[in-house]
Amino acid sequence: GKPDSKALKACKKMSKFLTKLSSERVWMEMKKILISKRSFD
């Protein structure tokens, strides 16, 4: 269903700080998201 509205709002607001994360940590999470069962949505 719809994601938690407070969580999504916070993620949008704080997303600019993703640039502070190491490449390895980001790619590790993104790989998991890309092959997850609902990856397209």
Full PDB file with SEQRES, HELIX, SHEET, SSBOND, CRYST1, ORIGX, SCALE, CONECT and MASTER records, all heavy atoms in Angstrom:
SEQRES   1 A   41  GLY LYS PRO ASP SER LYS ALA LEU LYS ALA CYS LYS LYS          
SEQRES   2 A   41  MET SER LYS PHE LEU THR LYS LEU SER SER GLU ARG VAL          
SEQRES   3 A   41  TRP MET GLU MET LYS LYS ILE LEU ILE SER LYS ARG SER          
SEQRES   4 A   41  PHE ASP                                                      
HELIX    1 AA1 SER A    5  MET A   14  1                                  10    
HELIX    2 AA2 SER A   15  LYS A   20  5                                   6    
HELIX    3 AA3 SER A   23  LEU A   34  1                                  12    
CRYST1    1.000    1.000    1.000  90.00  90.00  90.00 P 1           1          
ORIGX1      1.000000  0.000000  0.000000        0.00000                         
ORIGX2      0.000000  1.000000  0.000000        0.00000                         
ORIGX3      0.000000  0.000000  1.000000        0.00000                         
SCALE1      1.000000  0.000000  0.000000        0.00000                         
SCALE2      0.000000  1.000000  0.000000        0.00000                         
SCALE3      0.000000  0.000000  1.000000        0.00000                         
ATOM      1  N   GLY A   1       0.828  -1.199   0.000  1.00  0.00           N  
ATOM      2  CA  GLY A   1       0.000   0.000   0.000  1.00  0.00           C  
ATOM      3  C   GLY A   1       0.864   1.253   0.000  1.00  0.00           C  
ATOM      4  O   GLY A   1       2.037   1.236  -0.381  1.00  0.00           O  
ATOM      5  N   LYS A   2       0.312   2.348   0.441  1.00  0.00           N  
ATOM      6  CA  LYS A   2       1.056   3.608   0.474  1.00  0.00           C  
ATOM      7  C   LYS A   2       2.100   3.581   1.587  1.00  0.00           C  
ATOM      8  O   LYS A   2       1.840   3.066   2.668  1.00  0.00           O  
ATOM      9  CB  LYS A   2       0.096   4.781   0.688  1.00  0.00           C  
ATOM     10  CG  LYS A   2      -0.822   5.056  -0.500  1.00  0.00           C  
ATOM     11  CD  LYS A   2      -1.677   6.282  -0.252  1.00  0.00           C  
ATOM     12  CE  LYS A   2      -2.554   6.580  -1.468  1.00  0.00           C  
ATOM     13  NZ  LYS A   2      -3.398   7.785  -1.247  1.00  0.00           N  
ATOM     14  N   PRO A   3       3.262   4.158   1.340  1.00  0.00           N  
ATOM     15  CA  PRO A   3       4.288   4.202   2.398  1.00  0.00           C  
ATOM     16  C   PRO A   3       3.875   5.151   3.517  1.00  0.00           C  
ATOM     17  O   PRO A   3       3.039   6.035   3.311  1.00  0.00           O  
ATOM     18  CB  PRO A   3       5.529   4.725   1.656  1.00  0.00           C  
ATOM     19  CG  PRO A   3       4.976   5.518   0.514  1.00  0.00           C  
ATOM     20  CD  PRO A   3       3.730   4.796   0.090  1.00  0.00           C  
ATOM     21  N   ASP A   4       4.456   4.960   4.682  1.00  0.00           N  
ATOM     22  CA  ASP A   4       4.187   5.831   5.816  1.00  0.00           C  
ATOM     23  C   ASP A   4       4.498   7.280   5.426  1.00  0.00           C  
ATOM     24  O   ASP A   4       5.609   7.596   4.995  1.00  0.00           O  
ATOM     25  CB  ASP A   4       5.057   5.400   7.002  1.00  0.00           C  
ATOM     26  CG  ASP A   4       4.818   6.253   8.230  1.00  0.00           C  
ATOM     27  OD1 ASP A   4       3.779   6.073   8.886  1.00  0.00           O  
ATOM     28  OD2 ASP A   4       5.680   7.112   8.525  1.00  0.00           O  
ATOM     29  N   SER A   5       3.512   8.157   5.547  1.00  0.00           N  
ATOM     30  CA  SER A   5       3.652   9.538   5.055  1.00  0.00           C  
ATOM     31  C   SER A   5       4.738  10.317   5.796  1.00  0.00           C  
ATOM     32  O   SER A   5       5.494  11.083   5.177  1.00  0.00           O  
ATOM     33  CB  SER A   5       2.315  10.277   5.166  1.00  0.00           C  
ATOM     34  OG  SER A   5       1.853  10.287   6.509  1.00  0.00           O  
ATOM     35  N   LYS A   6       4.859  10.115   7.112  1.00  0.00           N  
ATOM     36  CA  LYS A   6       5.882  10.829   7.883  1.00  0.00           C  
ATOM     37  C   LYS A   6       7.276  10.371   7.488  1.00  0.00           C  
ATOM     38  O   LYS A   6       8.204  11.174   7.372  1.00  0.00           O  
ATOM     39  CB  LYS A   6       5.653  10.614   9.384  1.00  0.00           C  
ATOM     40  CG  LYS A   6       4.409  11.293   9.931  1.00  0.00           C  
ATOM     41  CD  LYS A   6       4.259  11.033  11.430  1.00  0.00           C  
ATOM     42  CE  LYS A   6       3.004  11.708  11.977  1.00  0.00           C  
ATOM     43  NZ  LYS A   6       2.823  11.416  13.431  1.00  0.00           N  
ATOM     44  N   ALA A   7       7.392   9.074   7.272  1.00  0.00           N  
ATOM     45  CA  ALA A   7       8.694   8.522   6.878  1.00  0.00           C  
ATOM     46  C   ALA A   7       9.105   9.040   5.505  1.00  0.00           C  
ATOM     47  O   ALA A   7      10.252   9.462   5.298  1.00  0.00           O  
ATOM     48  CB  ALA A   7       8.629   6.995   6.864  1.00  0.00           C  
ATOM     49  N   LEU A   8       8.166   9.024   4.559  1.00  0.00           N  
ATOM     50  CA  LEU A   8       8.464   9.469   3.202  1.00  0.00           C  
ATOM     51  C   LEU A   8       8.812  10.957   3.177  1.00  0.00           C  
ATOM     52  O   LEU A   8       9.760  11.372   2.491  1.00  0.00           O  
ATOM     53  CB  LEU A   8       7.269   9.193   2.286  1.00  0.00           C  
ATOM     54  CG  LEU A   8       7.491   9.454   0.796  1.00  0.00           C  
ATOM     55  CD1 LEU A   8       8.634   8.606   0.260  1.00  0.00           C  
ATOM     56  CD2 LEU A   8       6.208   9.182   0.008  1.00  0.00           C  
ATOM     57  N   LYS A   9       8.085  11.737   3.927  1.00  0.00           N  
ATOM     58  CA  LYS A   9       8.354  13.183   3.996  1.00  0.00           C  
ATOM     59  C   LYS A   9       9.759  13.450   4.536  1.00  0.00           C  
ATOM     60  O   LYS A   9      10.491  14.300   4.015  1.00  0.00           O  
ATOM     61  CB  LYS A   9       7.311  13.853   4.891  1.00  0.00           C  
ATOM     62  CG  LYS A   9       7.446  15.371   4.970  1.00  0.00           C  
ATOM     63  CD  LYS A   9       6.356  15.966   5.864  1.00  0.00           C  
ATOM     64  CE  LYS A   9       6.521  17.481   5.972  1.00  0.00           C  
ATOM     65  NZ  LYS A   9       5.472  18.073   6.861  1.00  0.00           N  
ATOM     66  N   ALA A  10      10.146  12.711   5.570  1.00  0.00           N  
ATOM     67  CA  ALA A  10      11.480  12.881   6.165  1.00  0.00           C  
ATOM     68  C   ALA A  10      12.574  12.448   5.187  1.00  0.00           C  
ATOM     69  O   ALA A  10      13.618  13.097   5.082  1.00  0.00           O  
ATOM     70  CB  ALA A  10      11.576  12.077   7.461  1.00  0.00           C  
ATOM     71  N   CYS A  11      12.332  11.358   4.462  1.00  0.00           N  
ATOM     72  CA  CYS A  11      13.313  10.873   3.487  1.00  0.00           C  
ATOM     73  C   CYS A  11      13.535  11.899   2.384  1.00  0.00           C  
ATOM     74  O   CYS A  11      14.677  12.143   1.970  1.00  0.00           O  
ATOM     75  CB  CYS A  11      12.861   9.542   2.885  1.00  0.00           C  
ATOM     76  SG  CYS A  11      12.992   8.137   4.020  1.00  0.00           S  
ATOM     77  N   LYS A  12      12.441  12.489   1.912  1.00  0.00           N  
ATOM     78  CA  LYS A  12      12.562  13.526   0.874  1.00  0.00           C  
ATOM     79  C   LYS A  12      13.363  14.715   1.401  1.00  0.00           C  
ATOM     80  O   LYS A  12      14.271  15.218   0.729  1.00  0.00           O  
ATOM     81  CB  LYS A  12      11.162  14.014   0.461  1.00  0.00           C  
ATOM     82  CG  LYS A  12      10.358  13.035  -0.357  1.00  0.00           C  
ATOM     83  CD  LYS A  12       9.000  13.662  -0.683  1.00  0.00           C  
ATOM     84  CE  LYS A  12       8.086  12.725  -1.412  1.00  0.00           C  
ATOM     85  NZ  LYS A  12       6.751  13.332  -1.683  1.00  0.00           N  
ATOM     86  N   LYS A  13      13.020  15.167   2.590  1.00  0.00           N  
ATOM     87  CA  LYS A  13      13.657  16.347   3.166  1.00  0.00           C  
ATOM     88  C   LYS A  13      15.145  16.134   3.407  1.00  0.00           C  
ATOM     89  O   LYS A  13      15.959  17.037   3.202  1.00  0.00           O  
ATOM     90  CB  LYS A  13      12.952  16.703   4.480  1.00  0.00           C  
ATOM     91  CG  LYS A  13      13.487  17.967   5.137  1.00  0.00           C  
ATOM     92  CD  LYS A  13      12.706  18.291   6.407  1.00  0.00           C  
ATOM     93  CE  LYS A  13      13.290  19.528   7.100  1.00  0.00           C  
ATOM     94  NZ  LYS A  13      12.536  19.867   8.332  1.00  0.00           N  
ATOM     95  N   MET A  14      15.510  14.927   3.836  1.00  0.00           N  
ATOM     96  CA  MET A  14      16.892  14.647   4.218  1.00  0.00           C  
ATOM     97  C   MET A  14      17.723  14.049   3.081  1.00  0.00           C  
ATOM     98  O   MET A  14      18.903  13.773   3.261  1.00  0.00           O  
ATOM     99  CB  MET A  14      16.912  13.675   5.407  1.00  0.00           C  
ATOM    100  CG  MET A  14      16.072  14.105   6.608  1.00  0.00           C  
ATOM    101  SD  MET A  14      16.705  15.571   7.409  1.00  0.00           S  
ATOM    102  CE  MET A  14      18.125  14.894   8.268  1.00  0.00           C  
ATOM    103  N   SER A  15      17.120  13.875   1.912  1.00  0.00           N  
ATOM    104  CA  SER A  15      17.796  13.147   0.832  1.00  0.00           C  
ATOM    105  C   SER A  15      19.087  13.819   0.362  1.00  0.00           C  
ATOM    106  O   SER A  15      19.986  13.151  -0.149  1.00  0.00           O  
ATOM    107  CB  SER A  15      16.852  12.947  -0.357  1.00  0.00           C  
ATOM    108  OG  SER A  15      16.416  14.195  -0.876  1.00  0.00           O  
ATOM    109  N   LYS A  16      19.207  15.124   0.516  1.00  0.00           N  
ATOM    110  CA  LYS A  16      20.431  15.817   0.085  1.00  0.00           C  
ATOM    111  C   LYS A  16      21.660  15.324   0.839  1.00  0.00           C  
ATOM    112  O   LYS A  16      22.788  15.441   0.359  1.00  0.00           O  
ATOM    113  CB  LYS A  16      20.282  17.327   0.272  1.00  0.00           C  
ATOM    114  CG  LYS A  16      20.038  17.767   1.713  1.00  0.00           C  
ATOM    115  CD  LYS A  16      19.790  19.263   1.795  1.00  0.00           C  
ATOM    116  CE  LYS A  16      19.482  19.687   3.227  1.00  0.00           C  
ATOM    117  NZ  LYS A  16      19.186  21.150   3.310  1.00  0.00           N  
ATOM    118  N   PHE A  17      21.443  14.733   2.015  1.00  0.00           N  
ATOM    119  CA  PHE A  17      22.564  14.243   2.816  1.00  0.00           C  
ATOM    120  C   PHE A  17      23.077  12.875   2.360  1.00  0.00           C  
ATOM    121  O   PHE A  17      24.072  12.379   2.879  1.00  0.00           O  
ATOM    122  CB  PHE A  17      22.168  14.177   4.294  1.00  0.00           C  
ATOM    123  CG  PHE A  17      21.897  15.534   4.900  1.00  0.00           C  
ATOM    124  CD1 PHE A  17      20.610  15.914   5.234  1.00  0.00           C  
ATOM    125  CD2 PHE A  17      22.929  16.434   5.110  1.00  0.00           C  
ATOM    126  CE1 PHE A  17      20.350  17.164   5.777  1.00  0.00           C  
ATOM    127  CE2 PHE A  17      22.690  17.687   5.653  1.00  0.00           C  
ATOM    128  CZ  PHE A  17      21.396  18.055   5.983  1.00  0.00           C  
ATOM    129  N   LEU A  18      22.406  12.286   1.369  1.00  0.00           N  
ATOM    130  CA  LEU A  18      22.889  11.018   0.824  1.00  0.00           C  
ATOM    131  C   LEU A  18      24.278  11.178   0.211  1.00  0.00           C  
ATOM    132  O   LEU A  18      25.044  10.217   0.128  1.00  0.00           O  
ATOM    133  CB  LEU A  18      21.918  10.495  -0.242  1.00  0.00           C  
ATOM    134  CG  LEU A  18      20.590   9.916   0.278  1.00  0.00           C  
ATOM    135  CD1 LEU A  18      19.626   9.695  -0.867  1.00  0.00           C  
ATOM    136  CD2 LEU A  18      20.829   8.617   1.036  1.00  0.00           C  
ATOM    137  N   THR A  19      24.608  12.385  -0.210  1.00  0.00           N  
ATOM    138  CA  THR A  19      25.927  12.637  -0.802  1.00  0.00           C  
ATOM    139  C   THR A  19      27.050  12.451   0.213  1.00  0.00           C  
ATOM    140  O   THR A  19      28.214  12.315  -0.166  1.00  0.00           O  
ATOM    141  CB  THR A  19      25.996  14.062  -1.378  1.00  0.00           C  
ATOM    142  OG1 THR A  19      25.674  14.999  -0.343  1.00  0.00           O  
ATOM    143  CG2 THR A  19      25.006  14.237  -2.527  1.00  0.00           C  
ATOM    144  N   LYS A  20      26.721  12.460   1.500  1.00  0.00           N  
ATOM    145  CA  LYS A  20      27.732  12.294   2.543  1.00  0.00           C  
ATOM    146  C   LYS A  20      28.101  10.828   2.779  1.00  0.00           C  
ATOM    147  O   LYS A  20      29.078  10.530   3.470  1.00  0.00           O  
ATOM    148  CB  LYS A  20      27.226  12.914   3.857  1.00  0.00           C  
ATOM    149  CG  LYS A  20      27.070  14.438   3.809  1.00  0.00           C  
ATOM    150  CD  LYS A  20      26.626  14.970   5.160  1.00  0.00           C  
ATOM    151  CE  LYS A  20      26.550  16.496   5.144  1.00  0.00           C  
ATOM    152  NZ  LYS A  20      27.889  17.114   5.046  1.00  0.00           N  
ATOM    153  N   LEU A  21      27.304   9.921   2.221  1.00  0.00           N  
ATOM    154  CA  LEU A  21      27.538   8.494   2.440  1.00  0.00           C  
ATOM    155  C   LEU A  21      28.605   7.956   1.494  1.00  0.00           C  
ATOM    156  O   LEU A  21      28.749   8.425   0.366  1.00  0.00           O  
ATOM    157  CB  LEU A  21      26.241   7.713   2.231  1.00  0.00           C  
ATOM    158  CG  LEU A  21      25.110   7.972   3.227  1.00  0.00           C  
ATOM    159  CD1 LEU A  21      23.830   7.318   2.737  1.00  0.00           C  
ATOM    160  CD2 LEU A  21      25.477   7.462   4.610  1.00  0.00           C  
ATOM    161  N   SER A  22      29.325   6.949   1.947  1.00  0.00           N  
ATOM    162  CA  SER A  22      30.341   6.326   1.099  1.00  0.00           C  
ATOM    163  C   SER A  22      29.671   5.588  -0.058  1.00  0.00           C  
ATOM    164  O   SER A  22      28.542   5.099   0.062  1.00  0.00           O  
ATOM    165  CB  SER A  22      31.190   5.340   1.907  1.00  0.00           C  
ATOM    166  OG  SER A  22      30.428   4.195   2.257  1.00  0.00           O  
ATOM    167  N   SER A  23      30.375   5.508  -1.168  1.00  0.00           N  
ATOM    168  CA  SER A  23      29.853   4.833  -2.357  1.00  0.00           C  
ATOM    169  C   SER A  23      29.512   3.377  -2.067  1.00  0.00           C  
ATOM    170  O   SER A  23      28.496   2.851  -2.540  1.00  0.00           O  
ATOM    171  CB  SER A  23      30.889   4.893  -3.485  1.00  0.00           C  
ATOM    172  OG  SER A  23      31.183   6.225  -3.812  1.00  0.00           O  
ATOM    173  N   GLU A  24      30.369   2.717  -1.293  1.00  0.00           N  
ATOM    174  CA  GLU A  24      30.179   1.294  -1.006  1.00  0.00           C  
ATOM    175  C   GLU A  24      28.866   1.044  -0.260  1.00  0.00           C  
ATOM    176  O   GLU A  24      28.134   0.100  -0.583  1.00  0.00           O  
ATOM    177  CB  GLU A  24      31.344   0.751  -0.178  1.00  0.00           C  
ATOM    178  CG  GLU A  24      32.673   0.708  -0.909  1.00  0.00           C  
ATOM    179  CD  GLU A  24      33.433   2.028  -0.909  1.00  0.00           C  
ATOM    180  OE1 GLU A  24      32.910   3.029  -0.364  1.00  0.00           O  
ATOM    181  OE2 GLU A  24      34.538   2.073  -1.470  1.00  0.00           O  
ATOM    182  N   ARG A  25      28.565   1.892   0.715  1.00  0.00           N  
ATOM    183  CA  ARG A  25      27.330   1.703   1.492  1.00  0.00           C  
ATOM    184  C   ARG A  25      26.103   1.964   0.630  1.00  0.00           C  
ATOM    185  O   ARG A  25      25.099   1.249   0.721  1.00  0.00           O  
ATOM    186  CB  ARG A  25      27.315   2.630   2.708  1.00  0.00           C  
ATOM    187  CG  ARG A  25      28.424   2.374   3.717  1.00  0.00           C  
ATOM    188  CD  ARG A  25      28.269   3.288   4.920  1.00  0.00           C  
ATOM    189  NE  ARG A  25      27.310   2.765   5.883  1.00  0.00           N  
ATOM    190  CZ  ARG A  25      26.570   3.519   6.701  1.00  0.00           C  
ATOM    191  NH1 ARG A  25      26.662   4.819   6.660  1.00  0.00           N  
ATOM    192  NH2 ARG A  25      25.738   2.965   7.555  1.00  0.00           N  
ATOM    193  N   VAL A  26      26.179   2.982  -0.214  1.00  0.00           N  
ATOM    194  CA  VAL A  26      25.051   3.326  -1.087  1.00  0.00           C  
ATOM    195  C   VAL A  26      24.781   2.197  -2.080  1.00  0.00           C  
ATOM    196  O   VAL A  26      23.650   1.751  -2.245  1.00  0.00           O  
ATOM    197  CB  VAL A  26      25.334   4.644  -1.844  1.00  0.00           C  
ATOM    198  CG1 VAL A  26      24.297   4.860  -2.954  1.00  0.00           C  
ATOM    199  CG2 VAL A  26      25.314   5.823  -0.883  1.00  0.00           C  
ATOM    200  N   TRP A  27      25.826   1.703  -2.740  1.00  0.00           N  
ATOM    201  CA  TRP A  27      25.647   0.663  -3.751  1.00  0.00           C  
ATOM    202  C   TRP A  27      25.166  -0.640  -3.122  1.00  0.00           C  
ATOM    203  O   TRP A  27      24.346  -1.367  -3.717  1.00  0.00           O  
ATOM    204  CB  TRP A  27      26.941   0.460  -4.524  1.00  0.00           C  
ATOM    205  CG  TRP A  27      26.893  -0.566  -5.616  1.00  0.00           C  
ATOM    206  CD1 TRP A  27      27.807  -1.546  -5.855  1.00  0.00           C  
ATOM    207  CD2 TRP A  27      25.906  -0.717  -6.656  1.00  0.00           C  
ATOM    208  NE1 TRP A  27      27.459  -2.297  -6.956  1.00  0.00           N  
ATOM    209  CE2 TRP A  27      26.288  -1.816  -7.472  1.00  0.00           C  
ATOM    210  CE3 TRP A  27      24.735  -0.034  -6.966  1.00  0.00           C  
ATOM    211  CZ2 TRP A  27      25.542  -2.235  -8.569  1.00  0.00           C  
ATOM    212  CZ3 TRP A  27      23.975  -0.471  -8.059  1.00  0.00           C  
ATOM    213  CH2 TRP A  27      24.380  -1.550  -8.841  1.00  0.00           C  
ATOM    214  N   MET A  28      25.621  -0.941  -1.923  1.00  0.00           N  
ATOM    215  CA  MET A  28      25.176  -2.158  -1.242  1.00  0.00           C  
ATOM    216  C   MET A  28      23.654  -2.129  -1.031  1.00  0.00           C  
ATOM    217  O   MET A  28      22.963  -3.125  -1.269  1.00  0.00           O  
ATOM    218  CB  MET A  28      25.877  -2.307   0.103  1.00  0.00           C  
ATOM    219  CG  MET A  28      25.620  -3.643   0.785  1.00  0.00           C  
ATOM    220  SD  MET A  28      26.520  -3.819   2.336  1.00  0.00           S  
ATOM    221  CE  MET A  28      28.202  -3.900   1.720  1.00  0.00           C  
ATOM    222  N   GLU A  29      23.128  -0.980  -0.621  1.00  0.00           N  
ATOM    223  CA  GLU A  29      21.679  -0.849  -0.424  1.00  0.00           C  
ATOM    224  C   GLU A  29      20.941  -0.824  -1.759  1.00  0.00           C  
ATOM    225  O   GLU A  29      19.897  -1.458  -1.913  1.00  0.00           O  
ATOM    226  CB  GLU A  29      21.356   0.428   0.366  1.00  0.00           C  
ATOM    227  CG  GLU A  29      21.658   0.334   1.850  1.00  0.00           C  
ATOM    228  CD  GLU A  29      20.814  -0.713   2.566  1.00  0.00           C  
ATOM    229  OE1 GLU A  29      19.625  -0.884   2.223  1.00  0.00           O  
ATOM    230  OE2 GLU A  29      21.350  -1.369   3.477  1.00  0.00           O  
ATOM    231  N   MET A  30      21.498  -0.083  -2.730  1.00  0.00           N  
ATOM    232  CA  MET A  30      20.822   0.031  -4.023  1.00  0.00           C  
ATOM    233  C   MET A  30      20.730  -1.316  -4.736  1.00  0.00           C  
ATOM    234  O   MET A  30      19.720  -1.619  -5.379  1.00  0.00           O  
ATOM    235  CB  MET A  30      21.546   1.046  -4.910  1.00  0.00           C  
ATOM    236  CG  MET A  30      21.204   2.498  -4.597  1.00  0.00           C  
ATOM    237  SD  MET A  30      19.427   2.842  -4.697  1.00  0.00           S  
ATOM    238  CE  MET A  30      19.056   2.465  -6.409  1.00  0.00           C  
ATOM    239  N   LYS A  31      21.766  -2.129  -4.620  1.00  0.00           N  
ATOM    240  CA  LYS A  31      21.715  -3.461  -5.241  1.00  0.00           C  
ATOM    241  C   LYS A  31      20.555  -4.265  -4.681  1.00  0.00           C  
ATOM    242  O   LYS A  31      19.841  -4.961  -5.419  1.00  0.00           O  
ATOM    243  CB  LYS A  31      23.036  -4.201  -5.007  1.00  0.00           C  
ATOM    244  CG  LYS A  31      24.140  -3.819  -5.957  1.00  0.00           C  
ATOM    245  CD  LYS A  31      25.304  -4.783  -5.936  1.00  0.00           C  
ATOM    246  CE  LYS A  31      26.130  -4.652  -4.691  1.00  0.00           C  
ATOM    247  NZ  LYS A  31      27.390  -5.450  -4.790  1.00  0.00           N  
ATOM    248  N   LYS A  32      20.378  -4.189  -3.369  1.00  0.00           N  
ATOM    249  CA  LYS A  32      19.293  -4.936  -2.720  1.00  0.00           C  
ATOM    250  C   LYS A  32      17.924  -4.412  -3.157  1.00  0.00           C  
ATOM    251  O   LYS A  32      16.985  -5.184  -3.340  1.00  0.00           O  
ATOM    252  CB  LYS A  32      19.439  -4.860  -1.200  1.00  0.00           C  
ATOM    253  CG  LYS A  32      20.672  -5.592  -0.670  1.00  0.00           C  
ATOM    254  CD  LYS A  32      20.847  -5.360   0.818  1.00  0.00           C  
ATOM    255  CE  LYS A  32      22.105  -6.050   1.342  1.00  0.00           C  
ATOM    256  NZ  LYS A  32      22.334  -5.761   2.780  1.00  0.00           N  
ATOM    257  N   ILE A  33      17.812  -3.089  -3.304  1.00  0.00           N  
ATOM    258  CA  ILE A  33      16.545  -2.501  -3.745  1.00  0.00           C  
ATOM    259  C   ILE A  33      16.249  -2.900  -5.184  1.00  0.00           C  
ATOM    260  O   ILE A  33      15.119  -3.262  -5.528  1.00  0.00           O  
ATOM    261  CB  ILE A  33      16.584  -0.960  -3.610  1.00  0.00           C  
ATOM    262  CG1 ILE A  33      16.661  -0.552  -2.134  1.00  0.00           C  
ATOM    263  CG2 ILE A  33      15.345  -0.328  -4.258  1.00  0.00           C  
ATOM    264  CD1 ILE A  33      16.945   0.920  -1.914  1.00  0.00           C  
ATOM    265  N   LEU A  34      17.257  -2.859  -6.033  1.00  0.00           N  
ATOM    266  CA  LEU A  34      17.076  -3.152  -7.456  1.00  0.00           C  
ATOM    267  C   LEU A  34      16.596  -4.575  -7.714  1.00  0.00           C  
ATOM    268  O   LEU A  34      15.894  -4.826  -8.701  1.00  0.00           O  
ATOM    269  CB  LEU A  34      18.376  -2.895  -8.219  1.00  0.00           C  
ATOM    270  CG  LEU A  34      18.710  -1.428  -8.490  1.00  0.00           C  
ATOM    271  CD1 LEU A  34      20.171  -1.270  -8.895  1.00  0.00           C  
ATOM    272  CD2 LEU A  34      17.794  -0.845  -9.566  1.00  0.00           C  
ATOM    273  N   ILE A  35      16.966  -5.514  -6.842  1.00  0.00           N  
ATOM    274  CA  ILE A  35      16.547  -6.906  -7.071  1.00  0.00           C  
ATOM    275  C   ILE A  35      15.452  -7.349  -6.103  1.00  0.00           C  
ATOM    276  O   ILE A  35      15.121  -8.527  -6.034  1.00  0.00           O  
ATOM    277  CB  ILE A  35      17.743  -7.877  -6.986  1.00  0.00           C  
ATOM    278  CG1 ILE A  35      18.390  -7.839  -5.601  1.00  0.00           C  
ATOM    279  CG2 ILE A  35      18.763  -7.584  -8.076  1.00  0.00           C  
ATOM    280  CD1 ILE A  35      19.448  -8.918  -5.391  1.00  0.00           C  
ATOM    281  N   SER A  36      14.870  -6.410  -5.370  1.00  0.00           N  
ATOM    282  CA  SER A  36      13.804  -6.766  -4.427  1.00  0.00           C  
ATOM    283  C   SER A  36      12.517  -7.114  -5.176  1.00  0.00           C  
ATOM    284  O   SER A  36      12.369  -6.817  -6.365  1.00  0.00           O  
ATOM    285  CB  SER A  36      13.537  -5.608  -3.459  1.00  0.00           C  
ATOM    286  OG  SER A  36      13.053  -4.472  -4.159  1.00  0.00           O  
ATOM    287  N   LYS A  37      11.587  -7.733  -4.480  1.00  0.00           N  
ATOM    288  CA  LYS A  37      10.386  -8.253  -5.142  1.00  0.00           C  
ATOM    289  C   LYS A  37       9.462  -7.156  -5.672  1.00  0.00           C  
ATOM    290  O   LYS A  37       8.666  -7.391  -6.569  1.00  0.00           O  
ATOM    291  CB  LYS A  37       9.617  -9.174  -4.186  1.00  0.00           C  
ATOM    292  CG  LYS A  37       9.079  -8.488  -2.937  1.00  0.00           C  
ATOM    293  CD  LYS A  37       8.331  -9.472  -2.052  1.00  0.00           C  
ATOM    294  CE  LYS A  37       7.773  -8.791  -0.797  1.00  0.00           C  
ATOM    295  NZ  LYS A  37       7.046  -9.732   0.069  1.00  0.00           N  
ATOM    296  N   ARG A  38       9.574  -5.939  -5.124  1.00  0.00           N  
ATOM    297  CA  ARG A  38       8.740  -4.826  -5.600  1.00  0.00           C  
ATOM    298  C   ARG A  38       9.627  -3.694  -6.114  1.00  0.00           C  
ATOM    299  O   ARG A  38       9.336  -2.521  -5.930  1.00  0.00           O  
ATOM    300  CB  ARG A  38       7.839  -4.329  -4.462  1.00  0.00           C  
ATOM    301  CG  ARG A  38       6.828  -5.368  -3.999  1.00  0.00           C  
ATOM    302  CD  ARG A  38       6.063  -4.928  -2.760  1.00  0.00           C  
ATOM    303  NE  ARG A  38       5.393  -3.661  -2.959  1.00  0.00           N  
ATOM    304  CZ  ARG A  38       5.570  -2.591  -2.183  1.00  0.00           C  
ATOM    305  NH1 ARG A  38       6.422  -2.624  -1.180  1.00  0.00           N  
ATOM    306  NH2 ARG A  38       4.908  -1.484  -2.401  1.00  0.00           N  
ATOM    307  N   SER A  39      10.711  -4.072  -6.768  1.00  0.00           N  
ATOM    308  CA  SER A  39      11.718  -3.082  -7.138  1.00  0.00           C  
ATOM    309  C   SER A  39      11.188  -1.979  -8.046  1.00  0.00           C  
ATOM    310  O   SER A  39      11.537  -0.811  -7.869  1.00  0.00           O  
ATOM    311  CB  SER A  39      12.925  -3.758  -7.788  1.00  0.00           C  
ATOM    312  OG  SER A  39      12.543  -4.439  -8.953  1.00  0.00           O  
ATOM    313  N   PHE A  40      10.339  -2.319  -9.017  1.00  0.00           N  
ATOM    314  CA  PHE A  40       9.872  -1.275  -9.929  1.00  0.00           C  
ATOM    315  C   PHE A  40       9.075  -0.204  -9.191  1.00  0.00           C  
ATOM    316  O   PHE A  40       9.324   0.998  -9.356  1.00  0.00           O  
ATOM    317  CB  PHE A  40       9.017  -1.858 -11.066  1.00  0.00           C  
ATOM    318  CG  PHE A  40       8.507  -0.783 -11.997  1.00  0.00           C  
ATOM    319  CD1 PHE A  40       9.346  -0.225 -12.950  1.00  0.00           C  
ATOM    320  CD2 PHE A  40       7.210  -0.310 -11.888  1.00  0.00           C  
ATOM    321  CE1 PHE A  40       8.898   0.795 -13.782  1.00  0.00           C  
ATOM    322  CE2 PHE A  40       6.749   0.707 -12.714  1.00  0.00           C  
ATOM    323  CZ  PHE A  40       7.590   1.255 -13.670  1.00  0.00           C  
ATOM    324  N   ASP A  41       8.114  -0.632  -8.371  1.00  0.00           N  
ATOM    325  CA  ASP A  41       7.287   0.329  -7.641  1.00  0.00           C  
ATOM    326  C   ASP A  41       8.136   1.193  -6.708  1.00  0.00           C  
ATOM    327  O   ASP A  41       7.910   2.399  -6.586  1.00  0.00           O  
ATOM    328  CB  ASP A  41       6.215  -0.403  -6.826  1.00  0.00           C  
ATOM    329  CG  ASP A  41       5.178  -1.079  -7.707  1.00  0.00           C  
ATOM    330  OD1 ASP A  41       5.019  -0.646  -8.863  1.00  0.00           O  
ATOM    331  OD2 ASP A  41       4.537  -2.037  -7.248  1.00  0.00           O  
TER     332      ASP A  41                                                      
MASTER        0    0    0    3    0    0    0    6  331    1    0    4          
END                                                                             
